[in-house]
Amino acid sequence: MLTVHARERMNERFISELDIVEVAKTLRSILYQKKNDTYLLTGLSTWKEKLMVSAAVRGKVIIVTVFCEEQI
């Protein structure tokens, strides 16, 4: 499930749902962020650039936001 916030950021950053799937396929790292109770997943986009997905587990996995490395 994608949040409204995630969809807005994805549109602004030209990131598609296929890019999120590609991150899962090319997963390089998963970092648990205790402060926010979220997971930061790092992989590659469909255009083969580093992409990060911040996800929270609340029953179902909810994508919080997605961004490219240079947007950190």
PDB file of N, CA and C in Angstrom:
ATOM      1  N   MET A   1       0.842  -1.180   0.000  1.00  0.00           N
ATOM      2  CA  MET A   1       0.000   0.000   0.000  1.00  0.00           C
ATOM      3  C   MET A   1       0.885   1.241   0.000  1.00  0.00           C
ATOM      4  N   LEU A   2       0.607   2.164  -0.861  1.00  0.00           N
ATOM      5  CA  LEU A   2       1.346   3.418  -0.908  1.00  0.00           C
ATOM      6  C   LEU A   2       0.542   4.514  -0.228  1.00  0.00           C
ATOM      7  N   THR A   3       1.204   5.282   0.590  1.00  0.00           N
ATOM      8  CA  THR A   3       0.521   6.400   1.237  1.00  0.00           C
ATOM      9  C   THR A   3       0.359   7.546   0.234  1.00  0.00           C
ATOM     10  N   VAL A   4      -0.530   8.464   0.542  1.00  0.00           N
ATOM     11  CA  VAL A   4      -0.713   9.654  -0.290  1.00  0.00           C
ATOM     12  C   VAL A   4       0.616  10.408  -0.373  1.00  0.00           C
ATOM     13  N   HIS A   5       1.294  10.524   0.766  1.00  0.00           N
ATOM     14  CA  HIS A   5       2.588  11.205   0.819  1.00  0.00           C
ATOM     15  C   HIS A   5       3.582  10.554  -0.148  1.00  0.00           C
ATOM     16  N   ALA A   6       3.644   9.238  -0.130  1.00  0.00           N
ATOM     17  CA  ALA A   6       4.573   8.523  -1.010  1.00  0.00           C
ATOM     18  C   ALA A   6       4.242   8.780  -2.468  1.00  0.00           C
ATOM     19  N   ARG A   7       2.965   8.708  -2.823  1.00  0.00           N
ATOM     20  CA  ARG A   7       2.566   8.955  -4.221  1.00  0.00           C
ATOM     21  C   ARG A   7       2.920  10.371  -4.665  1.00  0.00           C
ATOM     22  N   GLU A   8       2.715  11.345  -3.791  1.00  0.00           N
ATOM     23  CA  GLU A   8       3.067  12.728  -4.124  1.00  0.00           C
ATOM     24  C   GLU A   8       4.560  12.856  -4.381  1.00  0.00           C
ATOM     25  N   ARG A   9       5.378  12.287  -3.486  1.00  0.00           N
ATOM     26  CA  ARG A   9       6.835  12.370  -3.652  1.00  0.00           C
ATOM     27  C   ARG A   9       7.288  11.600  -4.892  1.00  0.00           C
ATOM     28  N   MET A  10       6.679  10.457  -5.140  1.00  0.00           N
ATOM     29  CA  MET A  10       7.033   9.685  -6.328  1.00  0.00           C
ATOM     30  C   MET A  10       6.763  10.494  -7.589  1.00  0.00           C
ATOM     31  N   ASN A  11       5.621  11.160  -7.652  1.00  0.00           N
ATOM     32  CA  ASN A  11       5.300  11.987  -8.820  1.00  0.00           C
ATOM     33  C   ASN A  11       6.305  13.122  -8.981  1.00  0.00           C
ATOM     34  N   GLU A  12       6.669  13.766  -7.878  1.00  0.00           N
ATOM     35  CA  GLU A  12       7.640  14.860  -7.919  1.00  0.00           C
ATOM     36  C   GLU A  12       9.011  14.381  -8.387  1.00  0.00           C
ATOM     37  N   ARG A  13       9.357  13.146  -8.043  1.00  0.00           N
ATOM     38  CA  ARG A  13      10.697  12.612  -8.301  1.00  0.00           C
ATOM     39  C   ARG A  13      10.727  11.661  -9.497  1.00  0.00           C
ATOM     40  N   PHE A  14       9.597  11.553 -10.217  1.00  0.00           N
ATOM     41  CA  PHE A  14       9.497  10.693 -11.399  1.00  0.00           C
ATOM     42  C   PHE A  14       9.857   9.247 -11.081  1.00  0.00           C
ATOM     43  N   ILE A  15       9.364   8.761  -9.955  1.00  0.00           N
ATOM     44  CA  ILE A  15       9.587   7.387  -9.510  1.00  0.00           C
ATOM     45  C   ILE A  15       8.278   6.630  -9.646  1.00  0.00           C
ATOM     46  N   SER A  16       8.334   5.453 -10.258  1.00  0.00           N
ATOM     47  CA  SER A  16       7.127   4.657 -10.482  1.00  0.00           C
ATOM     48  C   SER A  16       7.052   3.482  -9.508  1.00  0.00           C
ATOM     49  N   GLU A  17       5.894   2.831  -9.492  1.00  0.00           N
ATOM     50  CA  GLU A  17       5.751   1.622  -8.679  1.00  0.00           C
ATOM     51  C   GLU A  17       6.703   0.541  -9.169  1.00  0.00           C
ATOM     52  N   LEU A  18       6.980   0.518 -10.474  1.00  0.00           N
ATOM     53  CA  LEU A  18       7.941  -0.444 -11.008  1.00  0.00           C
ATOM     54  C   LEU A  18       9.338  -0.208 -10.434  1.00  0.00           C
ATOM     55  N   ASP A  19       9.667   1.055 -10.156  1.00  0.00           N
ATOM     56  CA  ASP A  19      10.958   1.351  -9.530  1.00  0.00           C
ATOM     57  C   ASP A  19      11.034   0.748  -8.130  1.00  0.00           C
ATOM     58  N   ILE A  20       9.928   0.794  -7.396  1.00  0.00           N
ATOM     59  CA  ILE A  20       9.905   0.204  -6.051  1.00  0.00           C
ATOM     60  C   ILE A  20      10.090  -1.310  -6.136  1.00  0.00           C
ATOM     61  N   VAL A  21       9.452  -1.931  -7.108  1.00  0.00           N
ATOM     62  CA  VAL A  21       9.618  -3.371  -7.321  1.00  0.00           C
ATOM     63  C   VAL A  21      11.080  -3.670  -7.662  1.00  0.00           C
ATOM     64  N   GLU A  22      11.680  -2.823  -8.484  1.00  0.00           N
ATOM     65  CA  GLU A  22      13.083  -3.026  -8.862  1.00  0.00           C
ATOM     66  C   GLU A  22      14.003  -2.895  -7.654  1.00  0.00           C
ATOM     67  N   VAL A  23      13.703  -1.983  -6.731  1.00  0.00           N
ATOM     68  CA  VAL A  23      14.488  -1.870  -5.497  1.00  0.00           C
ATOM     69  C   VAL A  23      14.448  -3.200  -4.747  1.00  0.00           C
ATOM     70  N   ALA A  24      13.261  -3.794  -4.652  1.00  0.00           N
ATOM     71  CA  ALA A  24      13.129  -5.081  -3.964  1.00  0.00           C
ATOM     72  C   ALA A  24      13.944  -6.176  -4.662  1.00  0.00           C
ATOM     73  N   LYS A  25      13.964  -6.149  -5.985  1.00  0.00           N
ATOM     74  CA  LYS A  25      14.701  -7.155  -6.755  1.00  0.00           C
ATOM     75  C   LYS A  25      16.213  -6.982  -6.637  1.00  0.00           C
ATOM     76  N   THR A  26      16.662  -5.731  -6.490  1.00  0.00           N
ATOM     77  CA  THR A  26      18.098  -5.434  -6.493  1.00  0.00           C
ATOM     78  C   THR A  26      18.578  -4.992  -5.119  1.00  0.00           C
ATOM     79  N   LEU A  27      17.872  -5.373  -4.097  1.00  0.00           N
ATOM     80  CA  LEU A  27      18.122  -4.925  -2.725  1.00  0.00           C
ATOM     81  C   LEU A  27      19.597  -5.035  -2.350  1.00  0.00           C
ATOM     82  N   ARG A  28      20.160  -3.911  -1.924  1.00  0.00           N
ATOM     83  CA  ARG A  28      21.559  -3.854  -1.502  1.00  0.00           C
ATOM     84  C   ARG A  28      21.684  -3.831   0.016  1.00  0.00           C
ATOM     85  N   SER A  29      20.715  -3.179   0.678  1.00  0.00           N
ATOM     86  CA  SER A  29      20.777  -3.118   2.138  1.00  0.00           C
ATOM     87  C   SER A  29      19.406  -2.798   2.715  1.00  0.00           C
ATOM     88  N   ILE A  30      19.237  -3.209   3.970  1.00  0.00           N
ATOM     89  CA  ILE A  30      18.062  -2.872   4.757  1.00  0.00           C
ATOM     90  C   ILE A  30      18.580  -2.362   6.095  1.00  0.00           C
ATOM     91  N   LEU A  31      18.154  -1.173   6.463  1.00  0.00           N
ATOM     92  CA  LEU A  31      18.587  -0.572   7.714  1.00  0.00           C
ATOM     93  C   LEU A  31      17.356  -0.257   8.552  1.00  0.00           C
ATOM     94  N   TYR A  32      17.295  -0.831   9.758  1.00  0.00           N
ATOM     95  CA  TYR A  32      16.185  -0.526  10.659  1.00  0.00           C
ATOM     96  C   TYR A  32      16.479   0.790  11.356  1.00  0.00           C
ATOM     97  N   GLN A  33      15.527   1.712  11.301  1.00  0.00           N
ATOM     98  CA  GLN A  33      15.676   3.014  11.945  1.00  0.00           C
ATOM     99  C   GLN A  33      14.769   3.037  13.176  1.00  0.00           C
ATOM    100  N   LYS A  34      15.379   2.710  14.328  1.00  0.00           N
ATOM    101  CA  LYS A  34      14.615   2.541  15.562  1.00  0.00           C
ATOM    102  C   LYS A  34      13.827   3.798  15.935  1.00  0.00           C
ATOM    103  N   LYS A  35      14.427   4.957  15.775  1.00  0.00           N
ATOM    104  CA  LYS A  35      13.789   6.222  16.155  1.00  0.00           C
ATOM    105  C   LYS A  35      12.412   6.387  15.504  1.00  0.00           C
ATOM    106  N   ASN A  36      12.315   6.030  14.217  1.00  0.00           N
ATOM    107  CA  ASN A  36      11.059   6.181  13.466  1.00  0.00           C
ATOM    108  C   ASN A  36      10.291   4.875  13.311  1.00  0.00           C
ATOM    109  N   ASP A  37      10.865   3.769  13.778  1.00  0.00           N
ATOM    110  CA  ASP A  37      10.298   2.442  13.582  1.00  0.00           C
ATOM    111  C   ASP A  37      10.010   2.194  12.100  1.00  0.00           C
ATOM    112  N   THR A  38      11.025   2.503  11.278  1.00  0.00           N
ATOM    113  CA  THR A  38      10.920   2.310   9.830  1.00  0.00           C
ATOM    114  C   THR A  38      12.127   1.530   9.333  1.00  0.00           C
ATOM    115  N   TYR A  39      12.040   1.071   8.109  1.00  0.00           N
ATOM    116  CA  TYR A  39      13.129   0.373   7.443  1.00  0.00           C
ATOM    117  C   TYR A  39      13.536   1.173   6.220  1.00  0.00           C
ATOM    118  N   LEU A  40      14.830   1.338   6.030  1.00  0.00           N
ATOM    119  CA  LEU A  40      15.350   2.016   4.851  1.00  0.00           C
ATOM    120  C   LEU A  40      15.933   0.955   3.927  1.00  0.00           C
ATOM    121  N   LEU A  41      15.311   0.782   2.781  1.00  0.00           N
ATOM    122  CA  LEU A  41      15.739  -0.199   1.800  1.00  0.00           C
ATOM    123  C   LEU A  41      16.479   0.513   0.684  1.00  0.00           C
ATOM    124  N   THR A  42      17.616  -0.015   0.304  1.00  0.00           N
ATOM    125  CA  THR A  42      18.410   0.579  -0.764  1.00  0.00           C
ATOM    126  C   THR A  42      18.579  -0.443  -1.879  1.00  0.00           C
ATOM    127  N   GLY A  43      18.293  -0.006  -3.093  1.00  0.00           N
ATOM    128  CA  GLY A  43      18.447  -0.848  -4.272  1.00  0.00           C
ATOM    129  C   GLY A  43      18.607   0.029  -5.492  1.00  0.00           C
ATOM    130  N   LEU A  44      18.283  -0.527  -6.651  1.00  0.00           N
ATOM    131  CA  LEU A  44      18.414   0.212  -7.900  1.00  0.00           C
ATOM    132  C   LEU A  44      17.046   0.455  -8.518  1.00  0.00           C
ATOM    133  N   SER A  45      16.916   1.595  -9.181  1.00  0.00           N
ATOM    134  CA  SER A  45      15.684   1.918  -9.907  1.00  0.00           C
ATOM    135  C   SER A  45      15.673   1.181 -11.242  1.00  0.00           C
ATOM    136  N   THR A  46      14.606   1.335 -12.002  1.00  0.00           N
ATOM    137  CA  THR A  46      14.540   0.723 -13.328  1.00  0.00           C
ATOM    138  C   THR A  46      15.567   1.342 -14.270  1.00  0.00           C
ATOM    139  N   TRP A  47      16.048   2.544 -13.948  1.00  0.00           N
ATOM    140  CA  TRP A  47      17.075   3.182 -14.773  1.00  0.00           C
ATOM    141  C   TRP A  47      18.467   2.973 -14.176  1.00  0.00           C
ATOM    142  N   LYS A  48      18.557   2.034 -13.207  1.00  0.00           N
ATOM    143  CA  LYS A  48      19.814   1.558 -12.618  1.00  0.00           C
ATOM    144  C   LYS A  48      20.546   2.606 -11.777  1.00  0.00           C
ATOM    145  N   GLU A  49      19.804   3.524 -11.168  1.00  0.00           N
ATOM    146  CA  GLU A  49      20.393   4.465 -10.226  1.00  0.00           C
ATOM    147  C   GLU A  49      19.979   4.071  -8.817  1.00  0.00           C
ATOM    148  N   LYS A  50      20.815   4.407  -7.840  1.00  0.00           N
ATOM    149  CA  LYS A  50      20.532   4.072  -6.449  1.00  0.00           C
ATOM    150  C   LYS A  50      19.234   4.741  -6.008  1.00  0.00           C
ATOM    151  N   LEU A  51      18.343   3.955  -5.417  1.00  0.00           N
ATOM    152  CA  LEU A  51      17.048   4.450  -4.973  1.00  0.00           C
ATOM    153  C   LEU A  51      16.800   3.931  -3.566  1.00  0.00           C
ATOM    154  N   MET A  52      16.222   4.771  -2.735  1.00  0.00           N
ATOM    155  CA  MET A  52      15.955   4.381  -1.356  1.00  0.00           C
ATOM    156  C   MET A  52      14.461   4.437  -1.089  1.00  0.00           C
ATOM    157  N   VAL A  53      13.969   3.446  -0.365  1.00  0.00           N
ATOM    158  CA  VAL A  53      12.560   3.349   0.003  1.00  0.00           C
ATOM    159  C   VAL A  53      12.487   3.289   1.521  1.00  0.00           C
ATOM    160  N   SER A  54      11.715   4.175   2.110  1.00  0.00           N
ATOM    161  CA  SER A  54      11.490   4.153   3.547  1.00  0.00           C
ATOM    162  C   SER A  54      10.141   3.495   3.780  1.00  0.00           C
ATOM    163  N   ALA A  55      10.138   2.393   4.520  1.00  0.00           N
ATOM    164  CA  ALA A  55       8.916   1.620   4.722  1.00  0.00           C
ATOM    165  C   ALA A  55       8.645   1.418   6.205  1.00  0.00           C
ATOM    166  N   ALA A  56       7.367   1.435   6.543  1.00  0.00           N
ATOM    167  CA  ALA A  56       6.939   1.154   7.908  1.00  0.00           C
ATOM    168  C   ALA A  56       6.040  -0.065   7.882  1.00  0.00           C
ATOM    169  N   VAL A  57       6.206  -0.942   8.856  1.00  0.00           N
ATOM    170  CA  VAL A  57       5.371  -2.134   8.948  1.00  0.00           C
ATOM    171  C   VAL A  57       4.266  -1.857   9.957  1.00  0.00           C
ATOM    172  N   ARG A  58       3.061  -1.803   9.474  1.00  0.00           N
ATOM    173  CA  ARG A  58       1.886  -1.554  10.316  1.00  0.00           C
ATOM    174  C   ARG A  58       0.785  -2.526   9.865  1.00  0.00           C
ATOM    175  N   GLY A  59       0.971  -3.790  10.175  1.00  0.00           N
ATOM    176  CA  GLY A  59       0.056  -4.813   9.661  1.00  0.00           C
ATOM    177  C   GLY A  59       0.475  -5.178   8.255  1.00  0.00           C
ATOM    178  N   LYS A  60       0.227  -4.283   7.302  1.00  0.00           N
ATOM    179  CA  LYS A  60       0.706  -4.422   5.930  1.00  0.00           C
ATOM    180  C   LYS A  60       1.943  -3.540   5.801  1.00  0.00           C
ATOM    181  N   VAL A  61       2.756  -3.800   4.800  1.00  0.00           N
ATOM    182  CA  VAL A  61       3.896  -2.919   4.554  1.00  0.00           C
ATOM    183  C   VAL A  61       3.369  -1.661   3.891  1.00  0.00           C
ATOM    184  N   ILE A  62       3.726  -0.533   4.427  1.00  0.00           N
ATOM    185  CA  ILE A  62       3.304   0.751   3.878  1.00  0.00           C
ATOM    186  C   ILE A  62       4.547   1.501   3.448  1.00  0.00           C
ATOM    187  N   ILE A  63       4.612   1.875   2.202  1.00  0.00           N
ATOM    188  CA  ILE A  63       5.727   2.672   1.725  1.00  0.00           C
ATOM    189  C   ILE A  63       5.517   4.104   2.204  1.00  0.00           C
ATOM    190  N   VAL A  64       6.488   4.621   2.914  1.00  0.00           N
ATOM    191  CA  VAL A  64       6.368   5.961   3.478  1.00  0.00           C
ATOM    192  C   VAL A  64       6.824   7.000   2.465  1.00  0.00           C
ATOM    193  N   THR A  65       7.993   6.814   1.897  1.00  0.00           N
ATOM    194  CA  THR A  65       8.490   7.730   0.865  1.00  0.00           C
ATOM    195  C   THR A  65       9.612   7.055   0.105  1.00  0.00           C
ATOM    196  N   VAL A  66       9.912   7.596  -1.051  1.00  0.00           N
ATOM    197  CA  VAL A  66      11.009   7.073  -1.879  1.00  0.00           C
ATOM    198  C   VAL A  66      11.844   8.244  -2.374  1.00  0.00           C
ATOM    199  N   PHE A  67      13.145   8.023  -2.484  1.00  0.00           N
ATOM    200  CA  PHE A  67      14.014   9.108  -2.923  1.00  0.00           C
ATOM    201  C   PHE A  67      15.318   8.559  -3.471  1.00  0.00           C
ATOM    202  N   CYS A  68      15.965   9.364  -4.288  1.00  0.00           N
ATOM    203  CA  CYS A  68      17.282   9.027  -4.818  1.00  0.00           C
ATOM    204  C   CYS A  68      18.328   9.456  -3.811  1.00  0.00           C
ATOM    205  N   GLU A  69      19.479   8.856  -3.886  1.00  0.00           N
ATOM    206  CA  GLU A  69      20.542   9.118  -2.919  1.00  0.00           C
ATOM    207  C   GLU A  69      20.886  10.602  -2.811  1.00  0.00           C
ATOM    208  N   GLU A  70      20.951  11.297  -3.942  1.00  0.00           N
ATOM    209  CA  GLU A  70      21.336  12.715  -3.906  1.00  0.00           C
ATOM    210  C   GLU A  70      20.287  13.603  -3.265  1.00  0.00           C
ATOM    211  N   GLN A  71      19.099  13.058  -2.957  1.00  0.00           N
ATOM    212  CA  GLN A  71      18.033  13.831  -2.328  1.00  0.00           C
ATOM    213  C   GLN A  71      18.065  13.726  -0.805  1.00  0.00           C
ATOM    214  N   ILE A  72      19.058  13.046  -0.261  1.00  0.00           N
ATOM    215  CA  ILE A  72      19.163  12.874   1.198  1.00  0.00           C
ATOM    216  C   ILE A  72      19.641  14.162   1.831  1.00  0.00           C
TER     217      ILE A  72
END
